[in-house]
Amino acid sequence: LTAADVFVLPSLSEGFPFVLLEALAMGCPVVASRVNGVPELIEDY
């Protein structure tokens, strides 16, 4: 994750993904699909 300029999660479905939590914990800028529990983590912009 330290190598990432952007972390991308293009999933069609997710529960509450650990990998997204990990990317956020590293301070990675994130682009993710608006599915299931993802908007509970990612507030747009």
PDB file of all heavy atoms in Angstrom:
ATOM      1  N   LEU A   1       0.815  -1.216   0.000  1.00  0.00           N
ATOM      2  CA  LEU A   1       0.000   0.000   0.000  1.00  0.00           C
ATOM      3  C   LEU A   1       0.849   1.267   0.000  1.00  0.00           C
ATOM      4  O   LEU A   1       0.396   2.319  -0.463  1.00  0.00           O
ATOM      5  CB  LEU A   1      -0.949  -0.006   1.199  1.00  0.00           C
ATOM      6  CG  LEU A   1      -2.106  -1.019   1.119  1.00  0.00           C
ATOM      7  CD1 LEU A   1      -2.829  -1.118   2.454  1.00  0.00           C
ATOM      8  CD2 LEU A   1      -3.081  -0.646   0.007  1.00  0.00           C
ATOM      9  N   THR A   2       2.082   1.182   0.505  1.00  0.00           N
ATOM     10  CA  THR A   2       2.931   2.369   0.487  1.00  0.00           C
ATOM     11  C   THR A   2       3.267   2.777  -0.941  1.00  0.00           C
ATOM     12  O   THR A   2       3.605   3.942  -1.197  1.00  0.00           O
ATOM     13  CB  THR A   2       4.246   2.132   1.252  1.00  0.00           C
ATOM     14  OG1 THR A   2       5.011   1.115   0.592  1.00  0.00           O
ATOM     15  CG2 THR A   2       3.995   1.754   2.687  1.00  0.00           C
ATOM     16  N   ALA A   3       3.190   1.830  -1.879  1.00  0.00           N
ATOM     17  CA  ALA A   3       3.517   2.139  -3.281  1.00  0.00           C
ATOM     18  C   ALA A   3       2.374   2.827  -4.019  1.00  0.00           C
ATOM     19  O   ALA A   3       2.570   3.343  -5.119  1.00  0.00           O
ATOM     20  CB  ALA A   3       3.895   0.851  -4.011  1.00  0.00           C
ATOM     21  N   ALA A   4       1.187   2.849  -3.423  1.00  0.00           N
ATOM     22  CA  ALA A   4      -0.005   3.284  -4.151  1.00  0.00           C
ATOM     23  C   ALA A   4      -0.163   4.797  -4.181  1.00  0.00           C
ATOM     24  O   ALA A   4      -0.116   5.463  -3.138  1.00  0.00           O
ATOM     25  CB  ALA A   4      -1.243   2.652  -3.521  1.00  0.00           C
ATOM     26  N   ASP A   5      -0.370   5.333  -5.375  1.00  0.00           N
ATOM     27  CA  ASP A   5      -0.868   6.706  -5.499  1.00  0.00           C
ATOM     28  C   ASP A   5      -2.379   6.715  -5.290  1.00  0.00           C
ATOM     29  O   ASP A   5      -2.932   7.662  -4.736  1.00  0.00           O
ATOM     30  CB  ASP A   5      -0.539   7.265  -6.879  1.00  0.00           C
ATOM     31  CG  ASP A   5       0.936   7.570  -7.034  1.00  0.00           C
ATOM     32  OD1 ASP A   5       1.443   8.423  -6.297  1.00  0.00           O
ATOM     33  OD2 ASP A   5       1.575   6.934  -7.884  1.00  0.00           O
ATOM     34  N   VAL A   6      -3.030   5.638  -5.743  1.00  0.00           N
ATOM     35  CA  VAL A   6      -4.477   5.474  -5.546  1.00  0.00           C
ATOM     36  C   VAL A   6      -4.747   3.998  -5.290  1.00  0.00           C
ATOM     37  O   VAL A   6      -4.226   3.132  -6.011  1.00  0.00           O
ATOM     38  CB  VAL A   6      -5.296   5.935  -6.770  1.00  0.00           C
ATOM     39  CG1 VAL A   6      -6.793   5.779  -6.504  1.00  0.00           C
ATOM     40  CG2 VAL A   6      -4.982   7.376  -7.135  1.00  0.00           C
ATOM     41  N   PHE A   7      -5.539   3.716  -4.269  1.00  0.00           N
ATOM     42  CA  PHE A   7      -6.034   2.358  -4.052  1.00  0.00           C
ATOM     43  C   PHE A   7      -7.407   2.249  -4.703  1.00  0.00           C
ATOM     44  O   PHE A   7      -8.266   3.112  -4.487  1.00  0.00           O
ATOM     45  CB  PHE A   7      -6.138   2.028  -2.567  1.00  0.00           C
ATOM     46  CG  PHE A   7      -6.715   0.657  -2.317  1.00  0.00           C
ATOM     47  CD1 PHE A   7      -5.938  -0.468  -2.455  1.00  0.00           C
ATOM     48  CD2 PHE A   7      -8.059   0.509  -1.990  1.00  0.00           C
ATOM     49  CE1 PHE A   7      -6.473  -1.733  -2.268  1.00  0.00           C
ATOM     50  CE2 PHE A   7      -8.599  -0.750  -1.803  1.00  0.00           C
ATOM     51  CZ  PHE A   7      -7.805  -1.881  -1.938  1.00  0.00           C
ATOM     52  N   VAL A   8      -7.612   1.195  -5.490  1.00  0.00           N
ATOM     53  CA  VAL A   8      -8.856   1.042  -6.252  1.00  0.00           C
ATOM     54  C   VAL A   8      -9.571  -0.232  -5.814  1.00  0.00           C
ATOM     55  O   VAL A   8      -8.976  -1.313  -5.775  1.00  0.00           O
ATOM     56  CB  VAL A   8      -8.569   0.989  -7.765  1.00  0.00           C
ATOM     57  CG1 VAL A   8      -9.888   0.970  -8.543  1.00  0.00           C
ATOM     58  CG2 VAL A   8      -7.711   2.172  -8.208  1.00  0.00           C
ATOM     59  N   LEU A   9     -10.849  -0.096  -5.499  1.00  0.00           N
ATOM     60  CA  LEU A   9     -11.686  -1.242  -5.147  1.00  0.00           C
ATOM     61  C   LEU A   9     -12.884  -1.251  -6.092  1.00  0.00           C
ATOM     62  O   LEU A   9     -13.913  -0.631  -5.804  1.00  0.00           O
ATOM     63  CB  LEU A   9     -12.151  -1.153  -3.696  1.00  0.00           C
ATOM     64  CG  LEU A   9     -12.839  -2.410  -3.151  1.00  0.00           C
ATOM     65  CD1 LEU A   9     -11.807  -3.495  -2.844  1.00  0.00           C
ATOM     66  CD2 LEU A   9     -13.631  -2.087  -1.881  1.00  0.00           C
ATOM     67  N   PRO A  10     -12.786  -1.959  -7.237  1.00  0.00           N
ATOM     68  CA  PRO A  10     -13.860  -1.917  -8.240  1.00  0.00           C
ATOM     69  C   PRO A  10     -14.920  -3.000  -8.056  1.00  0.00           C
ATOM     70  O   PRO A  10     -15.579  -3.404  -9.005  1.00  0.00           O
ATOM     71  CB  PRO A  10     -13.084  -2.139  -9.546  1.00  0.00           C
ATOM     72  CG  PRO A  10     -11.959  -3.051  -9.148  1.00  0.00           C
ATOM     73  CD  PRO A  10     -11.606  -2.700  -7.718  1.00  0.00           C
ATOM     74  N   SER A  11     -15.106  -3.473  -6.823  1.00  0.00           N
ATOM     75  CA  SER A  11     -15.944  -4.640  -6.537  1.00  0.00           C
ATOM     76  C   SER A  11     -17.398  -4.447  -6.952  1.00  0.00           C
ATOM     77  O   SER A  11     -17.931  -3.334  -6.951  1.00  0.00           O
ATOM     78  CB  SER A  11     -15.897  -4.974  -5.046  1.00  0.00           C
ATOM     79  OG  SER A  11     -14.583  -5.259  -4.629  1.00  0.00           O
ATOM     80  N   LEU A  12     -18.049  -5.583  -7.233  1.00  0.00           N
ATOM     81  CA  LEU A  12     -19.480  -5.599  -7.526  1.00  0.00           C
ATOM     82  C   LEU A  12     -20.287  -5.783  -6.249  1.00  0.00           C
ATOM     83  O   LEU A  12     -21.477  -5.442  -6.202  1.00  0.00           O
ATOM     84  CB  LEU A  12     -19.800  -6.726  -8.518  1.00  0.00           C
ATOM     85  CG  LEU A  12     -18.930  -6.786  -9.771  1.00  0.00           C
ATOM     86  CD1 LEU A  12     -19.438  -7.866 -10.714  1.00  0.00           C
ATOM     87  CD2 LEU A  12     -18.861  -5.435 -10.466  1.00  0.00           C
ATOM     88  N   SER A  13     -19.669  -6.347  -5.232  1.00  0.00           N
ATOM     89  CA  SER A  13     -20.313  -6.483  -3.926  1.00  0.00           C
ATOM     90  C   SER A  13     -19.229  -6.615  -2.865  1.00  0.00           C
ATOM     91  O   SER A  13     -18.137  -7.103  -3.142  1.00  0.00           O
ATOM     92  CB  SER A  13     -21.251  -7.701  -3.882  1.00  0.00           C
ATOM     93  OG  SER A  13     -20.515  -8.908  -3.953  1.00  0.00           O
ATOM     94  N   GLU A  14     -19.536  -6.171  -1.670  1.00  0.00           N
ATOM     95  CA  GLU A  14     -18.630  -6.271  -0.523  1.00  0.00           C
ATOM     96  C   GLU A  14     -19.473  -6.280   0.739  1.00  0.00           C
ATOM     97  O   GLU A  14     -20.603  -5.795   0.734  1.00  0.00           O
ATOM     98  CB  GLU A  14     -17.647  -5.094  -0.460  1.00  0.00           C
ATOM     99  CG  GLU A  14     -16.578  -5.069  -1.519  1.00  0.00           C
ATOM    100  CD  GLU A  14     -15.472  -6.097  -1.284  1.00  0.00           C
ATOM    101  OE1 GLU A  14     -15.454  -6.718  -0.214  1.00  0.00           O
ATOM    102  OE2 GLU A  14     -14.628  -6.285  -2.191  1.00  0.00           O
ATOM    103  N   GLY A  15     -18.919  -6.808   1.820  1.00  0.00           N
ATOM    104  CA  GLY A  15     -19.575  -6.694   3.104  1.00  0.00           C
ATOM    105  C   GLY A  15     -19.112  -5.403   3.778  1.00  0.00           C
ATOM    106  O   GLY A  15     -19.737  -4.350   3.680  1.00  0.00           O
ATOM    107  N   PHE A  16     -17.969  -5.497   4.445  1.00  0.00           N
ATOM    108  CA  PHE A  16     -17.296  -4.340   5.031  1.00  0.00           C
ATOM    109  C   PHE A  16     -15.819  -4.645   4.913  1.00  0.00           C
ATOM    110  O   PHE A  16     -15.208  -5.173   5.838  1.00  0.00           O
ATOM    111  CB  PHE A  16     -17.727  -4.142   6.485  1.00  0.00           C
ATOM    112  CG  PHE A  16     -17.435  -2.768   7.020  1.00  0.00           C
ATOM    113  CD1 PHE A  16     -18.194  -1.677   6.624  1.00  0.00           C
ATOM    114  CD2 PHE A  16     -16.394  -2.559   7.906  1.00  0.00           C
ATOM    115  CE1 PHE A  16     -17.928  -0.408   7.116  1.00  0.00           C
ATOM    116  CE2 PHE A  16     -16.123  -1.297   8.409  1.00  0.00           C
ATOM    117  CZ  PHE A  16     -16.897  -0.215   8.014  1.00  0.00           C
ATOM    118  N   PRO A  17     -15.217  -4.351   3.754  1.00  0.00           N
ATOM    119  CA  PRO A  17     -13.934  -4.954   3.366  1.00  0.00           C
ATOM    120  C   PRO A  17     -12.743  -4.532   4.216  1.00  0.00           C
ATOM    121  O   PRO A  17     -12.467  -3.339   4.381  1.00  0.00           O
ATOM    122  CB  PRO A  17     -13.763  -4.501   1.915  1.00  0.00           C
ATOM    123  CG  PRO A  17     -14.647  -3.312   1.761  1.00  0.00           C
ATOM    124  CD  PRO A  17     -15.782  -3.501   2.695  1.00  0.00           C
ATOM    125  N   PHE A  18     -12.029  -5.540   4.726  1.00  0.00           N
ATOM    126  CA  PHE A  18     -10.817  -5.278   5.490  1.00  0.00           C
ATOM    127  C   PHE A  18      -9.785  -4.545   4.654  1.00  0.00           C
ATOM    128  O   PHE A  18      -9.079  -3.665   5.145  1.00  0.00           O
ATOM    129  CB  PHE A  18     -10.213  -6.593   6.000  1.00  0.00           C
ATOM    130  CG  PHE A  18     -10.857  -7.094   7.253  1.00  0.00           C
ATOM    131  CD1 PHE A  18     -11.741  -8.160   7.206  1.00  0.00           C
ATOM    132  CD2 PHE A  18     -10.592  -6.516   8.485  1.00  0.00           C
ATOM    133  CE1 PHE A  18     -12.345  -8.636   8.360  1.00  0.00           C
ATOM    134  CE2 PHE A  18     -11.194  -6.977   9.639  1.00  0.00           C
ATOM    135  CZ  PHE A  18     -12.069  -8.038   9.582  1.00  0.00           C
ATOM    136  N   VAL A  19      -9.675  -4.917   3.374  1.00  0.00           N
ATOM    137  CA  VAL A  19      -8.639  -4.310   2.539  1.00  0.00           C
ATOM    138  C   VAL A  19      -8.876  -2.806   2.378  1.00  0.00           C
ATOM    139  O   VAL A  19      -7.916  -2.023   2.296  1.00  0.00           O
ATOM    140  CB  VAL A  19      -8.563  -5.023   1.173  1.00  0.00           C
ATOM    141  CG1 VAL A  19      -9.809  -4.771   0.343  1.00  0.00           C
ATOM    142  CG2 VAL A  19      -7.314  -4.630   0.417  1.00  0.00           C
ATOM    143  N   LEU A  20     -10.121  -2.388   2.376  1.00  0.00           N
ATOM    144  CA  LEU A  20     -10.423  -0.964   2.298  1.00  0.00           C
ATOM    145  C   LEU A  20     -10.052  -0.267   3.610  1.00  0.00           C
ATOM    146  O   LEU A  20      -9.490   0.836   3.611  1.00  0.00           O
ATOM    147  CB  LEU A  20     -11.899  -0.757   1.974  1.00  0.00           C
ATOM    148  CG  LEU A  20     -12.358   0.664   1.681  1.00  0.00           C
ATOM    149  CD1 LEU A  20     -11.507   1.311   0.605  1.00  0.00           C
ATOM    150  CD2 LEU A  20     -13.822   0.665   1.256  1.00  0.00           C
ATOM    151  N   LEU A  21     -10.339  -0.909   4.731  1.00  0.00           N
ATOM    152  CA  LEU A  21      -9.916  -0.380   6.028  1.00  0.00           C
ATOM    153  C   LEU A  21      -8.401  -0.231   6.083  1.00  0.00           C
ATOM    154  O   LEU A  21      -7.871   0.768   6.593  1.00  0.00           O
ATOM    155  CB  LEU A  21     -10.379  -1.318   7.152  1.00  0.00           C
ATOM    156  CG  LEU A  21     -11.862  -1.311   7.516  1.00  0.00           C
ATOM    157  CD1 LEU A  21     -12.185  -2.515   8.382  1.00  0.00           C
ATOM    158  CD2 LEU A  21     -12.232  -0.024   8.227  1.00  0.00           C
ATOM    159  N   GLU A  22      -7.698  -1.230   5.542  1.00  0.00           N
ATOM    160  CA  GLU A  22      -6.233  -1.202   5.569  1.00  0.00           C
ATOM    161  C   GLU A  22      -5.692  -0.081   4.691  1.00  0.00           C
ATOM    162  O   GLU A  22      -4.732   0.612   5.077  1.00  0.00           O
ATOM    163  CB  GLU A  22      -5.693  -2.563   5.137  1.00  0.00           C
ATOM    164  CG  GLU A  22      -5.993  -3.652   6.155  1.00  0.00           C
ATOM    165  CD  GLU A  22      -5.792  -5.063   5.627  1.00  0.00           C
ATOM    166  OE1 GLU A  22      -5.618  -5.231   4.408  1.00  0.00           O
ATOM    167  OE2 GLU A  22      -5.798  -6.000   6.447  1.00  0.00           O
ATOM    168  N   ALA A  23      -6.281   0.105   3.513  1.00  0.00           N
ATOM    169  CA  ALA A  23      -5.845   1.191   2.639  1.00  0.00           C
ATOM    170  C   ALA A  23      -6.073   2.548   3.305  1.00  0.00           C
ATOM    171  O   ALA A  23      -5.207   3.437   3.260  1.00  0.00           O
ATOM    172  CB  ALA A  23      -6.585   1.113   1.299  1.00  0.00           C
ATOM    173  N   LEU A  24      -7.228   2.719   3.936  1.00  0.00           N
ATOM    174  CA  LEU A  24      -7.511   3.969   4.634  1.00  0.00           C
ATOM    175  C   LEU A  24      -6.555   4.171   5.813  1.00  0.00           C
ATOM    176  O   LEU A  24      -6.100   5.289   6.067  1.00  0.00           O
ATOM    177  CB  LEU A  24      -8.957   3.991   5.118  1.00  0.00           C
ATOM    178  CG  LEU A  24     -10.033   4.079   4.032  1.00  0.00           C
ATOM    179  CD1 LEU A  24     -11.418   3.887   4.633  1.00  0.00           C
ATOM    180  CD2 LEU A  24      -9.964   5.409   3.292  1.00  0.00           C
ATOM    181  N   ALA A  25      -6.252   3.088   6.535  1.00  0.00           N
ATOM    182  CA  ALA A  25      -5.333   3.182   7.669  1.00  0.00           C
ATOM    183  C   ALA A  25      -3.947   3.646   7.232  1.00  0.00           C
ATOM    184  O   ALA A  25      -3.219   4.270   8.003  1.00  0.00           O
ATOM    185  CB  ALA A  25      -5.238   1.835   8.380  1.00  0.00           C
ATOM    186  N   MET A  26      -3.579   3.344   5.986  1.00  0.00           N
ATOM    187  CA  MET A  26      -2.304   3.790   5.437  1.00  0.00           C
ATOM    188  C   MET A  26      -2.385   5.199   4.864  1.00  0.00           C
ATOM    189  O   MET A  26      -1.390   5.739   4.396  1.00  0.00           O
ATOM    190  CB  MET A  26      -1.851   2.830   4.337  1.00  0.00           C
ATOM    191  CG  MET A  26      -1.387   1.483   4.834  1.00  0.00           C
ATOM    192  SD  MET A  26       0.071   1.573   5.904  1.00  0.00           S
ATOM    193  CE  MET A  26       1.288   2.186   4.762  1.00  0.00           C
ATOM    194  N   GLY A  27      -3.568   5.789   4.870  1.00  0.00           N
ATOM    195  CA  GLY A  27      -3.722   7.125   4.317  1.00  0.00           C
ATOM    196  C   GLY A  27      -3.772   7.153   2.801  1.00  0.00           C
ATOM    197  O   GLY A  27      -3.542   8.205   2.184  1.00  0.00           O
ATOM    198  N   CYS A  28      -4.098   6.012   2.168  1.00  0.00           N
ATOM    199  CA  CYS A  28      -4.163   5.965   0.707  1.00  0.00           C
ATOM    200  C   CYS A  28      -5.394   6.698   0.188  1.00  0.00           C
ATOM    201  O   CYS A  28      -6.488   6.495   0.714  1.00  0.00           O
ATOM    202  CB  CYS A  28      -4.239   4.508   0.227  1.00  0.00           C
ATOM    203  SG  CYS A  28      -2.741   3.557   0.435  1.00  0.00           S
ATOM    204  N   PRO A  29      -5.244   7.498  -0.859  1.00  0.00           N
ATOM    205  CA  PRO A  29      -6.437   7.978  -1.561  1.00  0.00           C
ATOM    206  C   PRO A  29      -7.165   6.782  -2.175  1.00  0.00           C
ATOM    207  O   PRO A  29      -6.539   5.892  -2.741  1.00  0.00           O
ATOM    208  CB  PRO A  29      -5.851   8.886  -2.656  1.00  0.00           C
ATOM    209  CG  PRO A  29      -4.492   9.273  -2.149  1.00  0.00           C
ATOM    210  CD  PRO A  29      -3.998   8.070  -1.396  1.00  0.00           C
ATOM    211  N   VAL A  30      -8.488   6.758  -2.037  1.00  0.00           N
ATOM    212  CA  VAL A  30      -9.272   5.580  -2.401  1.00  0.00           C
ATOM    213  C   VAL A  30     -10.337   5.923  -3.424  1.00  0.00           C
ATOM    214  O   VAL A  30     -11.045   6.930  -3.293  1.00  0.00           O
ATOM    215  CB  VAL A  30      -9.933   4.959  -1.148  1.00  0.00           C
ATOM    216  CG1 VAL A  30     -11.006   3.944  -1.529  1.00  0.00           C
ATOM    217  CG2 VAL A  30      -8.891   4.309  -0.250  1.00  0.00           C
ATOM    218  N   VAL A  31     -10.452   5.055  -4.436  1.00  0.00           N
ATOM    219  CA  VAL A  31     -11.595   5.057  -5.350  1.00  0.00           C
ATOM    220  C   VAL A  31     -12.264   3.697  -5.208  1.00  0.00           C
ATOM    221  O   VAL A  31     -11.606   2.658  -5.357  1.00  0.00           O
ATOM    222  CB  VAL A  31     -11.158   5.286  -6.815  1.00  0.00           C
ATOM    223  CG1 VAL A  31     -12.353   5.106  -7.750  1.00  0.00           C
ATOM    224  CG2 VAL A  31     -10.538   6.663  -6.985  1.00  0.00           C
ATOM    225  N   ALA A  32     -13.559   3.676  -4.904  1.00  0.00           N
ATOM    226  CA  ALA A  32     -14.240   2.407  -4.623  1.00  0.00           C
ATOM    227  C   ALA A  32     -15.650   2.413  -5.187  1.00  0.00           C
ATOM    228  O   ALA A  32     -16.273   3.474  -5.357  1.00  0.00           O
ATOM    229  CB  ALA A  32     -14.294   2.160  -3.114  1.00  0.00           C
ATOM    230  N   SER A  33     -16.154   1.209  -5.465  1.00  0.00           N
ATOM    231  CA  SER A  33     -17.530   1.055  -5.923  1.00  0.00           C
ATOM    232  C   SER A  33     -18.513   1.370  -4.800  1.00  0.00           C
ATOM    233  O   SER A  33     -18.284   1.014  -3.642  1.00  0.00           O
ATOM    234  CB  SER A  33     -17.764  -0.380  -6.404  1.00  0.00           C
ATOM    235  OG  SER A  33     -16.944  -0.703  -7.493  1.00  0.00           O
ATOM    236  N   ARG A  34     -19.608   1.987  -5.168  1.00  0.00           N
ATOM    237  CA  ARG A  34     -20.660   2.304  -4.196  1.00  0.00           C
ATOM    238  C   ARG A  34     -21.546   1.056  -4.027  1.00  0.00           C
ATOM    239  O   ARG A  34     -22.640   0.955  -4.604  1.00  0.00           O
ATOM    240  CB  ARG A  34     -21.489   3.485  -4.691  1.00  0.00           C
ATOM    241  CG  ARG A  34     -22.472   4.049  -3.662  1.00  0.00           C
ATOM    242  CD  ARG A  34     -23.405   5.058  -4.317  1.00  0.00           C
ATOM    243  NE  ARG A  34     -22.698   6.195  -4.849  1.00  0.00           N
ATOM    244  CZ  ARG A  34     -22.398   7.291  -4.158  1.00  0.00           C
ATOM    245  NH1 ARG A  34     -22.757   7.392  -2.894  1.00  0.00           N
ATOM    246  NH2 ARG A  34     -21.743   8.291  -4.735  1.00  0.00           N
ATOM    247  N   VAL A  35     -21.077   0.107  -3.221  1.00  0.00           N
ATOM    248  CA  VAL A  35     -21.813  -1.142  -3.011  1.00  0.00           C
ATOM    249  C   VAL A  35     -21.837  -1.496  -1.526  1.00  0.00           C
ATOM    250  O   VAL A  35     -20.885  -1.242  -0.798  1.00  0.00           O
ATOM    251  CB  VAL A  35     -21.182  -2.320  -3.804  1.00  0.00           C
ATOM    252  CG1 VAL A  35     -21.337  -2.120  -5.299  1.00  0.00           C
ATOM    253  CG2 VAL A  35     -19.712  -2.527  -3.448  1.00  0.00           C
ATOM    254  N   ASN A  36     -22.962  -2.070  -1.092  1.00  0.00           N
ATOM    255  CA  ASN A  36     -23.109  -2.645   0.242  1.00  0.00           C
ATOM    256  C   ASN A  36     -22.563  -1.725   1.330  1.00  0.00           C
ATOM    257  O   ASN A  36     -22.966  -0.584   1.432  1.00  0.00           O
ATOM    258  CB  ASN A  36     -22.452  -4.034   0.282  1.00  0.00           C
ATOM    259  CG  ASN A  36     -22.943  -4.963  -0.801  1.00  0.00           C
ATOM    260  OD1 ASN A  36     -22.309  -5.056  -1.844  1.00  0.00           O
ATOM    261  ND2 ASN A  36     -24.076  -5.627  -0.596  1.00  0.00           N
ATOM    262  N   GLY A  37     -21.616  -2.223   2.134  1.00  0.00           N
ATOM    263  CA  GLY A  37     -21.129  -1.443   3.267  1.00  0.00           C
ATOM    264  C   GLY A  37     -20.062  -0.421   2.950  1.00  0.00           C
ATOM    265  O   GLY A  37     -19.633   0.328   3.849  1.00  0.00           O
ATOM    266  N   VAL A  38     -19.624  -0.338   1.695  1.00  0.00           N
ATOM    267  CA  VAL A  38     -18.537   0.591   1.345  1.00  0.00           C
ATOM    268  C   VAL A  38     -18.881   2.048   1.676  1.00  0.00           C
ATOM    269  O   VAL A  38     -18.050   2.777   2.237  1.00  0.00           O
ATOM    270  CB  VAL A  38     -18.133   0.427  -0.136  1.00  0.00           C
ATOM    271  CG1 VAL A  38     -17.174   1.531  -0.572  1.00  0.00           C
ATOM    272  CG2 VAL A  38     -17.496  -0.944  -0.358  1.00  0.00           C
ATOM    273  N   PRO A  39     -20.107   2.550   1.390  1.00  0.00           N
ATOM    274  CA  PRO A  39     -20.427   3.943   1.743  1.00  0.00           C
ATOM    275  C   PRO A  39     -20.451   4.208   3.244  1.00  0.00           C
ATOM    276  O   PRO A  39     -20.494   5.376   3.657  1.00  0.00           O
ATOM    277  CB  PRO A  39     -21.818   4.160   1.130  1.00  0.00           C
ATOM    278  CG  PRO A  39     -21.900   3.162   0.021  1.00  0.00           C
ATOM    279  CD  PRO A  39     -21.168   1.967   0.534  1.00  0.00           C
ATOM    280  N   GLU A  40     -20.434   3.164   4.068  1.00  0.00           N
ATOM    281  CA  GLU A  40     -20.317   3.360   5.504  1.00  0.00           C
ATOM    282  C   GLU A  40     -18.890   3.728   5.897  1.00  0.00           C
ATOM    283  O   GLU A  40     -18.638   4.179   7.019  1.00  0.00           O
ATOM    284  CB  GLU A  40     -20.786   2.104   6.249  1.00  0.00           C
ATOM    285  CG  GLU A  40     -22.268   1.833   6.073  1.00  0.00           C
ATOM    286  CD  GLU A  40     -22.704   0.457   6.548  1.00  0.00           C
ATOM    287  OE1 GLU A  40     -22.264   0.044   7.647  1.00  0.00           O
ATOM    288  OE2 GLU A  40     -23.469  -0.217   5.824  1.00  0.00           O
ATOM    289  N   LEU A  41     -17.961   3.523   4.977  1.00  0.00           N
ATOM    290  CA  LEU A  41     -16.553   3.884   5.165  1.00  0.00           C
ATOM    291  C   LEU A  41     -16.158   5.094   4.340  1.00  0.00           C
ATOM    292  O   LEU A  41     -15.437   5.971   4.807  1.00  0.00           O
ATOM    293  CB  LEU A  41     -15.656   2.709   4.747  1.00  0.00           C
ATOM    294  CG  LEU A  41     -15.098   1.794   5.816  1.00  0.00           C
ATOM    295  CD1 LEU A  41     -14.286   0.691   5.169  1.00  0.00           C
ATOM    296  CD2 LEU A  41     -14.255   2.571   6.800  1.00  0.00           C
ATOM    297  N   ILE A  42     -16.592   5.119   3.087  1.00  0.00           N
ATOM    298  CA  ILE A  42     -16.183   6.163   2.153  1.00  0.00           C
ATOM    299  C   ILE A  42     -17.306   7.180   1.994  1.00  0.00           C
ATOM    300  O   ILE A  42     -18.381   6.870   1.492  1.00  0.00           O
ATOM    301  CB  ILE A  42     -15.825   5.567   0.777  1.00  0.00           C
ATOM    302  CG1 ILE A  42     -14.709   4.535   0.909  1.00  0.00           C
ATOM    303  CG2 ILE A  42     -15.425   6.682  -0.192  1.00  0.00           C
ATOM    304  CD1 ILE A  42     -13.409   5.094   1.439  1.00  0.00           C
ATOM    305  N   GLU A  43     -17.027   8.391   2.446  1.00  0.00           N
ATOM    306  CA  GLU A  43     -17.923   9.509   2.184  1.00  0.00           C
ATOM    307  C   GLU A  43     -17.371  10.246   0.975  1.00  0.00           C
ATOM    308  O   GLU A  43     -16.225  10.716   0.995  1.00  0.00           O
ATOM    309  CB  GLU A  43     -18.012  10.434   3.398  1.00  0.00           C
ATOM    310  CG  GLU A  43     -19.014  11.559   3.216  1.00  0.00           C
ATOM    311  CD  GLU A  43     -19.121  12.448   4.439  1.00  0.00           C
ATOM    312  OE1 GLU A  43     -18.627  12.059   5.516  1.00  0.00           O
ATOM    313  OE2 GLU A  43     -19.697  13.554   4.297  1.00  0.00           O
ATOM    314  N   ASP A  44     -18.173  10.343  -0.074  1.00  0.00           N
ATOM    315  CA  ASP A  44     -17.704  10.871  -1.350  1.00  0.00           C
ATOM    316  C   ASP A  44     -17.074  12.258  -1.189  1.00  0.00           C
ATOM    317  O   ASP A  44     -17.648  13.150  -0.568  1.00  0.00           O
ATOM    318  CB  ASP A  44     -18.889  10.933  -2.333  1.00  0.00           C
ATOM    319  CG  ASP A  44     -18.467  10.652  -3.770  1.00  0.00           C
ATOM    320  OD1 ASP A  44     -17.305  10.238  -3.986  1.00  0.00           O
ATOM    321  OD2 ASP A  44     -19.307  10.819  -4.666  1.00  0.00           O
ATOM    322  N   TYR A  45     -15.866  12.397  -1.726  1.00  0.00           N
ATOM    323  CA  TYR A  45     -15.088  13.629  -1.715  1.00  0.00           C
ATOM    324  C   TYR A  45     -14.616  14.027  -0.313  1.00  0.00           C
ATOM    325  O   TYR A  45     -14.047  15.101  -0.138  1.00  0.00           O
ATOM    326  CB  TYR A  45     -15.858  14.789  -2.358  1.00  0.00           C
ATOM    327  CG  TYR A  45     -15.982  14.634  -3.850  1.00  0.00           C
ATOM    328  CD1 TYR A  45     -17.121  14.046  -4.403  1.00  0.00           C
ATOM    329  CD2 TYR A  45     -14.955  15.021  -4.706  1.00  0.00           C
ATOM    330  CE1 TYR A  45     -17.231  13.868  -5.784  1.00  0.00           C
ATOM    331  CE2 TYR A  45     -15.062  14.850  -6.082  1.00  0.00           C
ATOM    332  CZ  TYR A  45     -16.199  14.269  -6.611  1.00  0.00           C
ATOM    333  OH  TYR A  45     -16.299  14.093  -7.969  1.00  0.00           O
TER     334      TYR A  45
END
